[in-house]
Amino acid sequence: MIPTFATHTHLRAISAVVNAAERKALALGAAESVKRTILLKVEEKRDWFSSALQSVDAIRNTLEFKTTWHPVGA
């Protein structure tokens, strides 16, 4: 399942808690489809409810903004 997520063309970013083997599979697949990745180690202790991980700044690196121009009167 990890290679599917890593190479899926509709996903533009992946944030995951992974072990070493999963980290390598995600990194290689994400590089193939030019995806932003935030990969945390399983061993790292995280307080998922902390204000730092629940803030807008924590997810900003996974967002993609695009500007679309609509011609008027064309």
PDB file of N, CA and C in Angstrom:
ATOM      1  N   MET A   1       0.807  -1.183   0.000  1.00  0.00           N
ATOM      2  CA  MET A   1       0.000   0.000   0.000  1.00  0.00           C
ATOM      3  C   MET A   1       0.861   1.262   0.000  1.00  0.00           C
ATOM      4  N   ILE A   2       2.001   1.242   0.647  1.00  0.00           N
ATOM      5  CA  ILE A   2       2.870   2.420   0.701  1.00  0.00           C
ATOM      6  C   ILE A   2       3.336   2.848  -0.687  1.00  0.00           C
ATOM      7  N   PRO A   3       3.793   1.947  -1.551  1.00  0.00           N
ATOM      8  CA  PRO A   3       4.193   2.391  -2.893  1.00  0.00           C
ATOM      9  C   PRO A   3       3.043   3.044  -3.660  1.00  0.00           C
ATOM     10  N   THR A   4       1.822   2.599  -3.429  1.00  0.00           N
ATOM     11  CA  THR A   4       0.661   3.194  -4.101  1.00  0.00           C
ATOM     12  C   THR A   4       0.483   4.643  -3.679  1.00  0.00           C
ATOM     13  N   PHE A   5       0.553   4.911  -2.392  1.00  0.00           N
ATOM     14  CA  PHE A   5       0.446   6.288  -1.910  1.00  0.00           C
ATOM     15  C   PHE A   5       1.619   7.129  -2.402  1.00  0.00           C
ATOM     16  N   ALA A   6       2.801   6.569  -2.344  1.00  0.00           N
ATOM     17  CA  ALA A   6       4.000   7.327  -2.701  1.00  0.00           C
ATOM     18  C   ALA A   6       4.025   7.753  -4.158  1.00  0.00           C
ATOM     19  N   THR A   7       3.492   6.933  -5.051  1.00  0.00           N
ATOM     20  CA  THR A   7       3.559   7.244  -6.479  1.00  0.00           C
ATOM     21  C   THR A   7       2.244   7.752  -7.050  1.00  0.00           C
ATOM     22  N   HIS A   8       1.213   7.860  -6.247  1.00  0.00           N
ATOM     23  CA  HIS A   8      -0.100   8.298  -6.748  1.00  0.00           C
ATOM     24  C   HIS A   8      -0.007   9.738  -7.258  1.00  0.00           C
ATOM     25  N   THR A   9      -0.452   9.963  -8.473  1.00  0.00           N
ATOM     26  CA  THR A   9      -0.276  11.271  -9.103  1.00  0.00           C
ATOM     27  C   THR A   9      -1.214  12.347  -8.560  1.00  0.00           C
ATOM     28  N   HIS A  10      -2.312  11.973  -7.920  1.00  0.00           N
ATOM     29  CA  HIS A  10      -3.237  12.970  -7.400  1.00  0.00           C
ATOM     30  C   HIS A  10      -2.863  13.456  -6.001  1.00  0.00           C
ATOM     31  N   LEU A  11      -1.966  12.760  -5.335  1.00  0.00           N
ATOM     32  CA  LEU A  11      -1.493  13.202  -4.028  1.00  0.00           C
ATOM     33  C   LEU A  11      -0.280  14.098  -4.230  1.00  0.00           C
ATOM     34  N   ARG A  12      -0.274  15.253  -3.614  1.00  0.00           N
ATOM     35  CA  ARG A  12       0.826  16.203  -3.771  1.00  0.00           C
ATOM     36  C   ARG A  12       1.735  16.260  -2.549  1.00  0.00           C
ATOM     37  N   ALA A  13       1.309  15.640  -1.445  1.00  0.00           N
ATOM     38  CA  ALA A  13       2.128  15.642  -0.229  1.00  0.00           C
ATOM     39  C   ALA A  13       1.765  14.425   0.609  1.00  0.00           C
ATOM     40  N   ILE A  14       2.737  13.962   1.375  1.00  0.00           N
ATOM     41  CA  ILE A  14       2.515  12.834   2.281  1.00  0.00           C
ATOM     42  C   ILE A  14       3.122  13.187   3.626  1.00  0.00           C
ATOM     43  N   SER A  15       2.355  12.997   4.662  1.00  0.00           N
ATOM     44  CA  SER A  15       2.829  13.158   6.026  1.00  0.00           C
ATOM     45  C   SER A  15       2.585  11.820   6.711  1.00  0.00           C
ATOM     46  N   ALA A  16       3.651  11.204   7.225  1.00  0.00           N
ATOM     47  CA  ALA A  16       3.500   9.852   7.768  1.00  0.00           C
ATOM     48  C   ALA A  16       4.480   9.586   8.904  1.00  0.00           C
ATOM     49  N   VAL A  17       4.100   8.646   9.761  1.00  0.00           N
ATOM     50  CA  VAL A  17       4.986   8.120  10.793  1.00  0.00           C
ATOM     51  C   VAL A  17       5.361   6.724  10.321  1.00  0.00           C
ATOM     52  N   VAL A  18       6.641   6.522  10.033  1.00  0.00           N
ATOM     53  CA  VAL A  18       7.069   5.298   9.361  1.00  0.00           C
ATOM     54  C   VAL A  18       8.345   4.723   9.970  1.00  0.00           C
ATOM     55  N   ASN A  19       8.565   3.425   9.708  1.00  0.00           N
ATOM     56  CA  ASN A  19       9.825   2.805  10.103  1.00  0.00           C
ATOM     57  C   ASN A  19      10.833   3.002   8.966  1.00  0.00           C
ATOM     58  N   ALA A  20      12.026   2.478   9.109  1.00  0.00           N
ATOM     59  CA  ALA A  20      13.099   2.725   8.138  1.00  0.00           C
ATOM     60  C   ALA A  20      12.771   2.207   6.740  1.00  0.00           C
ATOM     61  N   ALA A  21      12.206   1.003   6.630  1.00  0.00           N
ATOM     62  CA  ALA A  21      11.885   0.429   5.325  1.00  0.00           C
ATOM     63  C   ALA A  21      10.774   1.221   4.641  1.00  0.00           C
ATOM     64  N   GLU A  22       9.759   1.603   5.413  1.00  0.00           N
ATOM     65  CA  GLU A  22       8.656   2.391   4.857  1.00  0.00           C
ATOM     66  C   GLU A  22       9.132   3.779   4.443  1.00  0.00           C
ATOM     67  N   ARG A  23      10.048   4.348   5.224  1.00  0.00           N
ATOM     68  CA  ARG A  23      10.604   5.670   4.903  1.00  0.00           C
ATOM     69  C   ARG A  23      11.289   5.641   3.541  1.00  0.00           C
ATOM     70  N   LYS A  24      12.062   4.602   3.284  1.00  0.00           N
ATOM     71  CA  LYS A  24      12.770   4.496   2.006  1.00  0.00           C
ATOM     72  C   LYS A  24      11.778   4.358   0.849  1.00  0.00           C
ATOM     73  N   ALA A  25      10.754   3.508   1.007  1.00  0.00           N
ATOM     74  CA  ALA A  25       9.759   3.304  -0.048  1.00  0.00           C
ATOM     75  C   ALA A  25       8.996   4.599  -0.338  1.00  0.00           C
ATOM     76  N   LEU A  26       8.608   5.318   0.712  1.00  0.00           N
ATOM     77  CA  LEU A  26       7.892   6.580   0.517  1.00  0.00           C
ATOM     78  C   LEU A  26       8.777   7.644  -0.119  1.00  0.00           C
ATOM     79  N   ALA A  27      10.011   7.735   0.330  1.00  0.00           N
ATOM     80  CA  ALA A  27      10.919   8.744  -0.218  1.00  0.00           C
ATOM     81  C   ALA A  27      11.210   8.497  -1.696  1.00  0.00           C
ATOM     82  N   LEU A  28      11.436   7.244  -2.067  1.00  0.00           N
ATOM     83  CA  LEU A  28      11.705   6.934  -3.472  1.00  0.00           C
ATOM     84  C   LEU A  28      10.486   7.186  -4.356  1.00  0.00           C
ATOM     85  N   GLY A  29       9.320   6.763  -3.909  1.00  0.00           N
ATOM     86  CA  GLY A  29       8.101   6.985  -4.674  1.00  0.00           C
ATOM     87  C   GLY A  29       7.742   8.456  -4.775  1.00  0.00           C
ATOM     88  N   ALA A  30       7.925   9.189  -3.682  1.00  0.00           N
ATOM     89  CA  ALA A  30       7.620  10.617  -3.680  1.00  0.00           C
ATOM     90  C   ALA A  30       8.566  11.383  -4.601  1.00  0.00           C
ATOM     91  N   ALA A  31       9.803  10.975  -4.669  1.00  0.00           N
ATOM     92  CA  ALA A  31      10.762  11.630  -5.558  1.00  0.00           C
ATOM     93  C   ALA A  31      10.387  11.401  -7.017  1.00  0.00           C
ATOM     94  N   GLU A  32       9.845  10.236  -7.304  1.00  0.00           N
ATOM     95  CA  GLU A  32       9.442   9.908  -8.670  1.00  0.00           C
ATOM     96  C   GLU A  32       8.303  10.813  -9.151  1.00  0.00           C
ATOM     97  N   SER A  33       7.398  11.157  -8.239  1.00  0.00           N
ATOM     98  CA  SER A  33       6.257  11.994  -8.624  1.00  0.00           C
ATOM     99  C   SER A  33       6.351  13.413  -8.057  1.00  0.00           C
ATOM    100  N   VAL A  34       7.522  13.814  -7.614  1.00  0.00           N
ATOM    101  CA  VAL A  34       7.814  15.153  -7.073  1.00  0.00           C
ATOM    102  C   VAL A  34       6.767  15.563  -6.039  1.00  0.00           C
ATOM    103  N   LYS A  35       6.773  14.845  -4.928  1.00  0.00           N
ATOM    104  CA  LYS A  35       5.813  15.039  -3.854  1.00  0.00           C
ATOM    105  C   LYS A  35       6.525  15.593  -2.617  1.00  0.00           C
ATOM    106  N   ARG A  36       5.865  16.488  -1.897  1.00  0.00           N
ATOM    107  CA  ARG A  36       6.409  16.967  -0.625  1.00  0.00           C
ATOM    108  C   ARG A  36       6.187  15.875   0.424  1.00  0.00           C
ATOM    109  N   THR A  37       7.183  15.631   1.245  1.00  0.00           N
ATOM    110  CA  THR A  37       7.046  14.594   2.265  1.00  0.00           C
ATOM    111  C   THR A  37       7.450  15.116   3.630  1.00  0.00           C
ATOM    112  N   ILE A  38       6.724  14.685   4.628  1.00  0.00           N
ATOM    113  CA  ILE A  38       7.071  14.922   6.021  1.00  0.00           C
ATOM    114  C   ILE A  38       7.028  13.549   6.664  1.00  0.00           C
ATOM    115  N   LEU A  39       8.194  12.970   6.890  1.00  0.00           N
ATOM    116  CA  LEU A  39       8.282  11.599   7.398  1.00  0.00           C
ATOM    117  C   LEU A  39       8.888  11.606   8.794  1.00  0.00           C
ATOM    118  N   LEU A  40       8.120  11.173   9.763  1.00  0.00           N
ATOM    119  CA  LEU A  40       8.585  11.090  11.142  1.00  0.00           C
ATOM    120  C   LEU A  40       8.910   9.642  11.477  1.00  0.00           C
ATOM    121  N   LYS A  41       9.896   9.449  12.317  1.00  0.00           N
ATOM    122  CA  LYS A  41      10.291   8.099  12.719  1.00  0.00           C
ATOM    123  C   LYS A  41       9.312   7.549  13.751  1.00  0.00           C
ATOM    124  N   VAL A  42       9.077   6.257  13.681  1.00  0.00           N
ATOM    125  CA  VAL A  42       8.181   5.588  14.626  1.00  0.00           C
ATOM    126  C   VAL A  42       8.695   5.763  16.046  1.00  0.00           C
ATOM    127  N   GLU A  43       9.999   5.763  16.212  1.00  0.00           N
ATOM    128  CA  GLU A  43      10.606   5.827  17.536  1.00  0.00           C
ATOM    129  C   GLU A  43      10.432   7.191  18.204  1.00  0.00           C
ATOM    130  N   GLU A  44      10.184   8.243  17.432  1.00  0.00           N
ATOM    131  CA  GLU A  44      10.050   9.580  17.995  1.00  0.00           C
ATOM    132  C   GLU A  44       8.746   9.693  18.776  1.00  0.00           C
ATOM    133  N   LYS A  45       8.848  10.200  19.967  1.00  0.00           N
ATOM    134  CA  LYS A  45       7.653  10.402  20.789  1.00  0.00           C
ATOM    135  C   LYS A  45       7.071  11.768  20.450  1.00  0.00           C
ATOM    136  N   ARG A  46       5.795  11.786  20.090  1.00  0.00           N
ATOM    137  CA  ARG A  46       5.124  13.022  19.695  1.00  0.00           C
ATOM    138  C   ARG A  46       3.859  13.222  20.533  1.00  0.00           C
ATOM    139  N   ASP A  47       3.610  14.452  20.889  1.00  0.00           N
ATOM    140  CA  ASP A  47       2.348  14.818  21.511  1.00  0.00           C
ATOM    141  C   ASP A  47       1.466  15.381  20.401  1.00  0.00           C
ATOM    142  N   TRP A  48       0.643  14.508  19.794  1.00  0.00           N
ATOM    143  CA  TRP A  48      -0.153  14.883  18.629  1.00  0.00           C
ATOM    144  C   TRP A  48      -1.183  15.958  18.921  1.00  0.00           C
ATOM    145  N   PHE A  49      -1.462  16.180  20.187  1.00  0.00           N
ATOM    146  CA  PHE A  49      -2.453  17.192  20.557  1.00  0.00           C
ATOM    147  C   PHE A  49      -1.818  18.507  20.973  1.00  0.00           C
ATOM    148  N   SER A  50      -0.510  18.611  20.845  1.00  0.00           N
ATOM    149  CA  SER A  50       0.166  19.860  21.203  1.00  0.00           C
ATOM    150  C   SER A  50      -0.216  20.959  20.213  1.00  0.00           C
ATOM    151  N   SER A  51      -0.140  22.192  20.672  1.00  0.00           N
ATOM    152  CA  SER A  51      -0.517  23.313  19.803  1.00  0.00           C
ATOM    153  C   SER A  51       0.411  23.420  18.594  1.00  0.00           C
ATOM    154  N   ALA A  52       1.663  23.000  18.737  1.00  0.00           N
ATOM    155  CA  ALA A  52       2.605  23.063  17.612  1.00  0.00           C
ATOM    156  C   ALA A  52       2.195  22.139  16.470  1.00  0.00           C
ATOM    157  N   LEU A  53       1.693  20.947  16.784  1.00  0.00           N
ATOM    158  CA  LEU A  53       1.300  19.989  15.746  1.00  0.00           C
ATOM    159  C   LEU A  53      -0.142  20.173  15.283  1.00  0.00           C
ATOM    160  N   GLN A  54      -0.929  20.965  15.987  1.00  0.00           N
ATOM    161  CA  GLN A  54      -2.315  21.219  15.601  1.00  0.00           C
ATOM    162  C   GLN A  54      -2.490  22.579  14.920  1.00  0.00           C
ATOM    163  N   SER A  55      -1.405  23.322  14.759  1.00  0.00           N
ATOM    164  CA  SER A  55      -1.506  24.666  14.203  1.00  0.00           C
ATOM    165  C   SER A  55      -1.505  24.651  12.678  1.00  0.00           C
ATOM    166  N   VAL A  56      -1.875  25.776  12.101  1.00  0.00           N
ATOM    167  CA  VAL A  56      -1.854  25.932  10.650  1.00  0.00           C
ATOM    168  C   VAL A  56      -0.420  25.796  10.129  1.00  0.00           C
ATOM    169  N   ASP A  57       0.537  26.263  10.892  1.00  0.00           N
ATOM    170  CA  ASP A  57       1.941  26.175  10.469  1.00  0.00           C
ATOM    171  C   ASP A  57       2.402  24.734  10.310  1.00  0.00           C
ATOM    172  N   ALA A  58       1.827  23.816  11.061  1.00  0.00           N
ATOM    173  CA  ALA A  58       2.230  22.412  10.987  1.00  0.00           C
ATOM    174  C   ALA A  58       1.822  21.767   9.667  1.00  0.00           C
ATOM    175  N   ILE A  59       0.753  22.251   9.048  1.00  0.00           N
ATOM    176  CA  ILE A  59       0.304  21.652   7.793  1.00  0.00           C
ATOM    177  C   ILE A  59       0.640  22.497   6.567  1.00  0.00           C
ATOM    178  N   ARG A  60       1.156  23.680   6.772  1.00  0.00           N
ATOM    179  CA  ARG A  60       1.427  24.594   5.656  1.00  0.00           C
ATOM    180  C   ARG A  60       2.336  23.981   4.591  1.00  0.00           C
ATOM    181  N   ASN A  61       3.315  23.178   4.982  1.00  0.00           N
ATOM    182  CA  ASN A  61       4.240  22.586   4.011  1.00  0.00           C
ATOM    183  C   ASN A  61       3.591  21.521   3.140  1.00  0.00           C
ATOM    184  N   THR A  62       2.413  21.069   3.510  1.00  0.00           N
ATOM    185  CA  THR A  62       1.729  20.059   2.691  1.00  0.00           C
ATOM    186  C   THR A  62       0.698  20.666   1.751  1.00  0.00           C
ATOM    187  N   LEU A  63       0.489  21.961   1.827  1.00  0.00           N
ATOM    188  CA  LEU A  63      -0.517  22.619   0.994  1.00  0.00           C
ATOM    189  C   LEU A  63       0.072  23.106  -0.314  1.00  0.00           C
ATOM    190  N   GLU A  64      -0.766  23.131  -1.325  1.00  0.00           N
ATOM    191  CA  GLU A  64      -0.359  23.635  -2.633  1.00  0.00           C
ATOM    192  C   GLU A  64      -1.353  24.709  -3.057  1.00  0.00           C
ATOM    193  N   PHE A  65      -0.828  25.868  -3.375  1.00  0.00           N
ATOM    194  CA  PHE A  65      -1.678  26.973  -3.815  1.00  0.00           C
ATOM    195  C   PHE A  65      -1.472  27.203  -5.298  1.00  0.00           C
ATOM    196  N   LYS A  66      -2.551  27.429  -5.996  1.00  0.00           N
ATOM    197  CA  LYS A  66      -2.473  27.706  -7.426  1.00  0.00           C
ATOM    198  C   LYS A  66      -3.342  28.910  -7.743  1.00  0.00           C
ATOM    199  N   THR A  67      -2.921  29.657  -8.715  1.00  0.00           N
ATOM    200  CA  THR A  67      -3.716  30.782  -9.204  1.00  0.00           C
ATOM    201  C   THR A  67      -4.268  30.392 -10.561  1.00  0.00           C
ATOM    202  N   THR A  68      -5.559  30.585 -10.722  1.00  0.00           N
ATOM    203  CA  THR A  68      -6.200  30.285 -11.995  1.00  0.00           C
ATOM    204  C   THR A  68      -6.717  31.593 -12.581  1.00  0.00           C
ATOM    205  N   TRP A  69      -6.363  31.849 -13.815  1.00  0.00           N
ATOM    206  CA  TRP A  69      -6.802  33.073 -14.488  1.00  0.00           C
ATOM    207  C   TRP A  69      -7.971  32.735 -15.385  1.00  0.00           C
ATOM    208  N   HIS A  70      -9.032  33.487 -15.245  1.00  0.00           N
ATOM    209  CA  HIS A  70     -10.220  33.315 -16.070  1.00  0.00           C
ATOM    210  C   HIS A  70     -10.336  34.528 -16.998  1.00  0.00           C
ATOM    211  N   PRO A  71     -10.247  34.308 -18.291  1.00  0.00           N
ATOM    212  CA  PRO A  71     -10.385  35.449 -19.213  1.00  0.00           C
ATOM    213  C   PRO A  71     -11.805  36.006 -19.168  1.00  0.00           C
ATOM    214  N   VAL A  72     -11.901  37.320 -19.164  1.00  0.00           N
ATOM    215  CA  VAL A  72     -13.202  37.980 -19.126  1.00  0.00           C
ATOM    216  C   VAL A  72     -13.481  38.527 -20.527  1.00  0.00           C
ATOM    217  N   GLY A  73     -14.644  38.220 -21.048  1.00  0.00           N
ATOM    218  CA  GLY A  73     -15.041  38.721 -22.352  1.00  0.00           C
ATOM    219  C   GLY A  73     -14.400  38.004 -23.522  1.00  0.00           C
ATOM    220  N   ALA A  74     -13.845  36.833 -23.293  1.00  0.00           N
ATOM    221  CA  ALA A  74     -13.197  36.107 -24.386  1.00  0.00           C
ATOM    222  C   ALA A  74     -14.183  35.263 -25.150  1.00  0.00           C
TER     223      ALA A  74
END
